[in-house]
Amino acid sequence: MIPDIEKLSRKIEYTFKNEDFLFEALTHRSVGSTNNERLEFLGDSVLNFVVAEQLFASLPKASEGDLSRLRASVVKKESLVEIAQFLQLGEFISLGSGELKSGGFRRESILADAVEAILGAVLRDAGFDECKKMVLRLCKTKIEQTMIDGPEKDSKTKLQEYLQSRRYRLPEYNVTEIKGKAHQQIFSVECIIKELKMKTNGVGRSRRIAEQEAAKVAIESIELAK
């Protein structure tokens, strides 16, 4: 598959001087030895640095631990998947026949890796300053929301710790429905807590987001029952 470079360039708001970097960034390892793994490594490094620097400058009173948790929230796979889905990266990624048949274009790990690889490609094509602009552009909403919400633990972690503190079994998460086209799917997930005889539901643009929503509803229900 040859990706539509012009269409993707409009989405990421950047035009490559050397398009080979972008083609490499969009090539999964299932295609062959020339793939995006090295660019992914590079992109992951610059992503972590730029986000860390932005948080450090924006939150002068935050502790090292808080900054680490905030950064982790911004650069985690789920956040990168959201970016990939917004850019509809699945339709641009080149996959081997096996991955293509198994729906690799919507696999979260492949999507997240492609985002990092594109950042690495921009770094090689235009240098750090241009790459930094792209990181801040793509992560702007997530960084701002993270700074508003603070370095709190995510809902699934909170729920797990609550249940473990009472020696209850961990919750079960099951996908109950998937709607929409391949690149714009909406997941419905149920969270089952057997000891509490509780079942909650969550909806999101990925399974992980839906799980977080279901866990959040469970926590709220537990709080109301106290």
Protein backbone atom coordinates (compact mmCIF):
# COMPACT_ATOMS: atom_id res chain seq x y z
CA MET A 1 0.00 0.00 0.00
CA ILE A 2 1.34 3.44 -0.95
CA PRO A 3 0.05 6.03 1.53
CA ASP A 4 -1.51 9.27 0.36
CA ILE A 5 1.34 11.56 1.46
CA GLU A 6 -0.45 14.81 0.64
CA LYS A 7 -3.51 13.84 2.67
CA LEU A 8 -1.43 12.82 5.69
CA SER A 9 0.73 15.94 5.41
CA ARG A 10 -2.39 18.06 5.74
CA LYS A 11 -3.46 16.11 8.81
CA ILE A 12 -0.12 16.43 10.61
CA GLU A 13 0.40 19.99 9.31
CA TYR A 14 3.88 19.23 8.04
CA THR A 15 5.33 18.60 4.57
CA PHE A 16 8.44 16.43 4.40
CA LYS A 17 11.43 17.57 2.41
CA ASN A 18 12.51 13.94 2.17
CA GLU A 19 9.39 11.80 1.85
CA ASP A 20 11.42 8.62 2.35
CA PHE A 21 11.49 9.38 6.08
CA LEU A 22 7.70 9.42 6.19
CA PHE A 23 7.38 6.23 4.15
CA GLU A 24 9.76 4.54 6.59
CA ALA A 25 7.79 5.84 9.57
CA LEU A 26 4.61 4.31 8.15
CA THR A 27 6.15 0.89 7.43
CA HIS A 28 5.48 -1.81 10.03
CA ARG A 29 8.11 -4.47 10.74
CA SER A 30 5.80 -7.11 9.23
CA VAL A 31 6.66 -5.66 5.81
CA GLY A 32 10.38 -6.39 6.04
CA SER A 33 13.74 -5.34 7.43
CA THR A 34 13.25 -1.72 6.42
CA ASN A 35 10.62 -0.56 8.89
CA ASN A 36 9.75 2.12 11.45
CA GLU A 37 11.27 0.59 14.60
CA ARG A 38 14.38 2.80 14.63
CA LEU A 39 12.35 5.94 14.00
CA GLU A 40 9.96 4.84 16.73
CA PHE A 41 12.88 4.71 19.16
CA LEU A 42 13.94 8.20 18.14
CA GLY A 43 10.40 9.59 18.33
CA ASP A 44 9.78 8.07 21.74
CA SER A 45 12.89 9.79 23.09
CA VAL A 46 12.06 13.24 21.76
CA LEU A 47 8.41 12.91 22.79
CA ASN A 48 9.36 12.21 26.39
CA PHE A 49 11.85 15.07 26.46
CA VAL A 50 9.57 17.70 24.92
CA VAL A 51 6.63 16.82 27.16
CA ALA A 52 8.89 16.77 30.22
CA GLU A 53 10.33 20.17 29.33
CA GLN A 54 6.88 21.64 28.75
CA LEU A 55 5.54 20.36 32.07
CA PHE A 56 8.69 21.50 33.90
CA ALA A 57 8.32 25.03 32.53
CA SER A 58 4.54 25.20 33.05
CA LEU A 59 4.46 23.79 36.59
CA PRO A 60 7.34 25.35 38.58
CA LYS A 61 5.98 24.10 41.92
CA ALA A 62 5.35 20.48 40.89
CA SER A 63 7.53 17.80 42.47
CA GLU A 64 9.65 15.35 40.51
CA GLY A 65 7.15 12.58 41.26
CA ASP A 66 4.20 14.66 40.09
CA LEU A 67 6.01 15.67 36.91
CA SER A 68 6.83 12.03 36.18
CA ARG A 69 3.22 10.96 36.61
CA LEU A 70 1.95 13.83 34.48
CA ARG A 71 4.41 13.04 31.71
CA ALA A 72 3.48 9.35 31.82
CA SER A 73 -0.17 10.30 31.39
CA VAL A 74 0.62 12.35 28.27
CA VAL A 75 2.99 9.91 26.54
CA LYS A 76 1.27 6.62 27.44
CA LYS A 77 0.09 4.33 24.67
CA GLU A 78 -3.57 5.23 25.14
CA SER A 79 -2.81 8.91 24.52
CA LEU A 80 -0.82 8.11 21.39
CA VAL A 81 -3.64 5.89 20.14
CA GLU A 82 -6.05 8.81 20.49
CA ILE A 83 -3.70 10.94 18.37
CA ALA A 84 -3.40 8.16 15.78
CA GLN A 85 -7.17 7.77 15.60
CA PHE A 86 -7.63 11.52 15.22
CA LEU A 87 -5.14 11.47 12.33
CA GLN A 88 -6.71 8.26 10.98
CA LEU A 89 -3.22 6.78 10.74
CA GLY A 90 -4.55 3.28 10.19
CA GLU A 91 -5.30 4.03 6.58
CA PHE A 92 -1.71 5.13 5.90
CA ILE A 93 0.33 2.38 7.59
CA SER A 94 1.97 -0.28 5.38
CA LEU A 95 1.54 -3.78 6.81
CA GLY A 96 2.59 -7.29 5.84
CA SER A 97 -0.12 -9.61 4.56
CA GLY A 98 -0.53 -11.36 7.92
CA GLU A 99 -0.99 -8.15 9.89
CA LEU A 100 -3.26 -6.76 7.21
CA LYS A 101 -5.57 -9.78 7.36
CA SER A 102 -5.70 -9.71 11.16
CA GLY A 103 -6.69 -6.04 11.27
CA GLY A 104 -3.31 -4.64 12.26
CA PHE A 105 -4.28 -1.20 10.97
CA ARG A 106 -6.43 -0.75 14.06
CA ARG A 107 -4.15 -2.49 16.60
CA GLU A 108 -3.33 0.00 19.35
CA SER A 109 0.35 -0.88 19.64
CA ILE A 110 0.88 -0.43 15.90
CA LEU A 111 -0.94 2.91 15.89
CA ALA A 112 0.98 4.25 18.90
CA ASP A 113 4.31 3.15 17.43
CA ALA A 114 3.49 4.89 14.15
CA VAL A 115 2.89 8.21 15.96
CA GLU A 116 6.32 7.98 17.60
CA ALA A 117 7.92 6.97 14.31
CA ILE A 118 6.46 10.01 12.56
CA LEU A 119 7.96 12.23 15.25
CA GLY A 120 11.31 10.54 14.67
CA ALA A 121 10.92 11.10 10.94
CA VAL A 122 10.25 14.81 11.44
CA LEU A 123 13.31 15.06 13.67
CA ARG A 124 15.49 13.58 10.95
CA ASP A 125 13.85 15.61 8.19
CA ALA A 126 13.87 19.05 9.82
CA GLY A 127 15.62 18.93 13.19
CA PHE A 128 14.60 19.32 16.80
CA ASP A 129 12.75 22.65 16.67
CA GLU A 130 10.30 21.48 14.01
CA CYS A 131 9.81 18.17 15.79
CA LYS A 132 9.14 19.99 19.07
CA LYS A 133 6.45 22.07 17.36
CA MET A 134 4.74 18.91 16.16
CA VAL A 135 4.88 17.24 19.59
CA LEU A 136 3.31 20.27 21.24
CA ARG A 137 0.72 20.57 18.47
CA LEU A 138 -0.34 16.93 18.65
CA CYS A 139 -0.20 16.71 22.45
CA LYS A 140 -1.57 20.19 23.23
CA THR A 141 -5.03 19.07 24.38
CA LYS A 142 -3.69 16.15 26.42
CA ILE A 143 -1.01 18.28 28.12
CA GLU A 144 -3.53 20.98 29.04
CA GLN A 145 -6.07 18.48 30.33
CA THR A 146 -3.43 16.64 32.33
CA MET A 147 -2.28 19.84 34.00
CA ILE A 148 -5.90 20.65 34.91
CA ASP A 149 -6.65 17.18 36.26
CA GLY A 150 -3.36 16.90 38.15
CA PRO A 151 -1.15 13.85 38.67
CA GLU A 152 -3.91 11.62 39.95
CA LYS A 153 -3.95 7.90 39.30
CA ASP A 154 -6.18 6.71 36.50
CA SER A 155 -9.58 5.20 37.25
CA LYS A 156 -8.60 1.57 36.62
CA THR A 157 -5.67 1.88 39.03
CA LYS A 158 -7.84 3.54 41.68
CA LEU A 159 -10.48 0.83 41.39
CA GLN A 160 -7.89 -1.94 41.51
CA GLU A 161 -6.26 -0.51 44.64
CA TYR A 162 -9.64 -0.11 46.33
CA LEU A 163 -10.59 -3.73 45.66
CA GLN A 164 -7.17 -5.06 46.67
CA SER A 165 -7.32 -3.15 49.95
CA ARG A 166 -10.45 -5.18 50.77
CA ARG A 167 -9.00 -8.40 49.38
CA TYR A 168 -11.61 -8.53 46.65
CA ARG A 169 -10.92 -10.04 43.25
CA LEU A 170 -9.88 -7.70 40.46
CA PRO A 171 -12.65 -6.43 38.17
CA GLU A 172 -13.42 -8.10 34.87
CA TYR A 173 -13.59 -5.97 31.71
CA ASN A 174 -15.54 -7.28 28.72
CA VAL A 175 -16.19 -5.66 25.35
CA THR A 176 -19.95 -5.72 24.79
CA GLU A 177 -20.19 -3.84 21.50
CA ILE A 178 -18.08 -2.27 18.75
CA LYS A 179 -19.70 0.27 16.44
CA GLY A 180 -18.50 2.31 13.50
CA LYS A 181 -16.07 1.94 10.62
CA ALA A 182 -12.63 0.44 11.11
CA HIS A 183 -10.87 3.77 11.67
CA GLN A 184 -13.65 5.37 13.70
CA GLN A 185 -14.78 2.62 16.02
CA ILE A 186 -16.60 3.16 19.30
CA PHE A 187 -16.14 0.52 21.99
CA SER A 188 -18.59 -0.36 24.76
CA VAL A 189 -17.11 -2.16 27.76
CA GLU A 190 -18.63 -3.52 30.96
CA CYS A 191 -16.80 -3.66 34.29
CA ILE A 192 -17.89 -6.49 36.60
CA ILE A 193 -17.08 -6.51 40.32
CA LYS A 194 -18.39 -9.79 41.67
CA GLU A 195 -18.02 -9.15 45.42
CA LEU A 196 -20.02 -5.95 45.13
CA LYS A 197 -22.50 -7.46 42.65
CA MET A 198 -21.81 -4.43 40.49
CA LYS A 199 -21.73 -4.02 36.72
CA THR A 200 -20.91 -0.68 35.09
CA ASN A 201 -20.47 0.39 31.48
CA GLY A 202 -18.10 2.68 29.62
CA VAL A 203 -17.81 3.94 26.04
CA GLY A 204 -14.74 5.23 24.21
CA ARG A 205 -12.77 5.45 20.97
CA SER A 206 -10.59 2.53 22.08
CA ARG A 207 -11.06 -0.44 24.37
CA ARG A 208 -8.72 1.06 26.97
CA ILE A 209 -10.58 4.36 27.05
CA ALA A 210 -13.89 2.52 27.45
CA GLU A 211 -12.40 0.44 30.29
CA GLN A 212 -11.29 3.62 32.06
CA GLU A 213 -14.79 5.06 31.72
CA ALA A 214 -16.37 1.90 33.12
CA ALA A 215 -13.93 1.94 36.04
CA LYS A 216 -14.69 5.60 36.68
CA VAL A 217 -18.42 4.88 36.86
CA ALA A 218 -17.71 2.02 39.27
CA ILE A 219 -15.68 4.29 41.56
CA GLU A 220 -18.44 6.91 41.53
CA SER A 221 -21.03 4.25 42.38
CA ILE A 222 -18.90 2.99 45.27
CA GLU A 223 -18.49 6.53 46.58
CA LEU A 224 -22.25 7.16 46.44
CA ALA A 225 -22.94 3.93 48.32
CA LYS A 226 -20.73 4.92 51.27
